[in-house]
Amino acid sequence: MDEAILAQELRQRVRERLAPHEVPRDISFVDVLPMTSTGKIIRA
């Protein structure tokens, strides 16, 4: 499935369940999440 179509579907489902100010502007798909040396996800 194309990432653009998947992001569109995801955004639509989120709009149905969350308040407008909680819907993310951007959705990114990554293969690997950046990790710290202790194994926690870097959120910045």
C-alpha atoms as a PDB file:
ATOM      1  CA  MET A   1       0.000   0.000   0.000  1.00  0.00           C
ATOM      2  CA  ASP A   2       1.273   3.480  -0.857  1.00  0.00           C
ATOM      3  CA  GLU A   3       2.432   5.519   2.154  1.00  0.00           C
ATOM      4  CA  ALA A   4       0.403   8.560   1.044  1.00  0.00           C
ATOM      5  CA  ILE A   5      -2.814   6.515   0.948  1.00  0.00           C
ATOM      6  CA  LEU A   6      -1.987   4.854   4.265  1.00  0.00           C
ATOM      7  CA  ALA A   7      -1.309   8.251   5.885  1.00  0.00           C
ATOM      8  CA  GLN A   8      -4.602   9.566   4.502  1.00  0.00           C
ATOM      9  CA  GLU A   9      -6.541   6.619   5.956  1.00  0.00           C
ATOM     10  CA  LEU A  10      -4.772   6.935   9.292  1.00  0.00           C
ATOM     11  CA  ARG A  11      -5.481  10.671   9.456  1.00  0.00           C
ATOM     12  CA  GLN A  12      -9.182  10.037   8.708  1.00  0.00           C
ATOM     13  CA  ARG A  13      -9.496   7.447  11.494  1.00  0.00           C
ATOM     14  CA  VAL A  14      -7.704   9.731  13.943  1.00  0.00           C
ATOM     15  CA  ARG A  15     -10.092  12.593  13.063  1.00  0.00           C
ATOM     16  CA  GLU A  16     -13.036  10.335  13.950  1.00  0.00           C
ATOM     17  CA  ARG A  17     -11.639   9.555  17.409  1.00  0.00           C
ATOM     18  CA  LEU A  18      -9.733  12.648  18.570  1.00  0.00           C
ATOM     19  CA  ALA A  19     -10.423  16.327  19.057  1.00  0.00           C
ATOM     20  CA  PRO A  20      -9.308  18.543  16.140  1.00  0.00           C
ATOM     21  CA  HIS A  21      -6.356  19.972  18.062  1.00  0.00           C
ATOM     22  CA  GLU A  22      -5.056  16.437  18.764  1.00  0.00           C
ATOM     23  CA  VAL A  23      -4.858  15.333  15.104  1.00  0.00           C
ATOM     24  CA  PRO A  24      -1.214  15.323  13.958  1.00  0.00           C
ATOM     25  CA  ARG A  25      -0.247  17.604  11.077  1.00  0.00           C
ATOM     26  CA  ASP A  26       2.393  15.254   9.719  1.00  0.00           C
ATOM     27  CA  ILE A  27       2.635  11.488   9.639  1.00  0.00           C
ATOM     28  CA  SER A  28       6.003   9.888   8.894  1.00  0.00           C
ATOM     29  CA  PHE A  29       6.770   6.232   8.347  1.00  0.00           C
ATOM     30  CA  VAL A  30      10.250   5.041   9.295  1.00  0.00           C
ATOM     31  CA  ASP A  31      11.904   1.640   9.208  1.00  0.00           C
ATOM     32  CA  VAL A  32      13.883   2.113  12.428  1.00  0.00           C
ATOM     33  CA  LEU A  33      13.304   4.440  15.374  1.00  0.00           C
ATOM     34  CA  PRO A  34      16.354   6.294  16.715  1.00  0.00           C
ATOM     35  CA  MET A  35      17.442   4.909  20.092  1.00  0.00           C
ATOM     36  CA  THR A  36      19.556   6.165  22.963  1.00  0.00           C
ATOM     37  CA  SER A  37      22.466   4.129  24.311  1.00  0.00           C
ATOM     38  CA  THR A  38      20.102   2.730  26.971  1.00  0.00           C
ATOM     39  CA  GLY A  39      17.610   1.515  24.355  1.00  0.00           C
ATOM     40  CA  LYS A  40      14.935   4.176  24.763  1.00  0.00           C
ATOM     41  CA  ILE A  41      13.326   5.903  21.765  1.00  0.00           C
ATOM     42  CA  ILE A  42      14.618   9.415  21.051  1.00  0.00           C
ATOM     43  CA  ARG A  43      11.467  11.551  20.812  1.00  0.00           C
ATOM     44  CA  ALA A  44      12.950  14.931  19.837  1.00  0.00           C
END
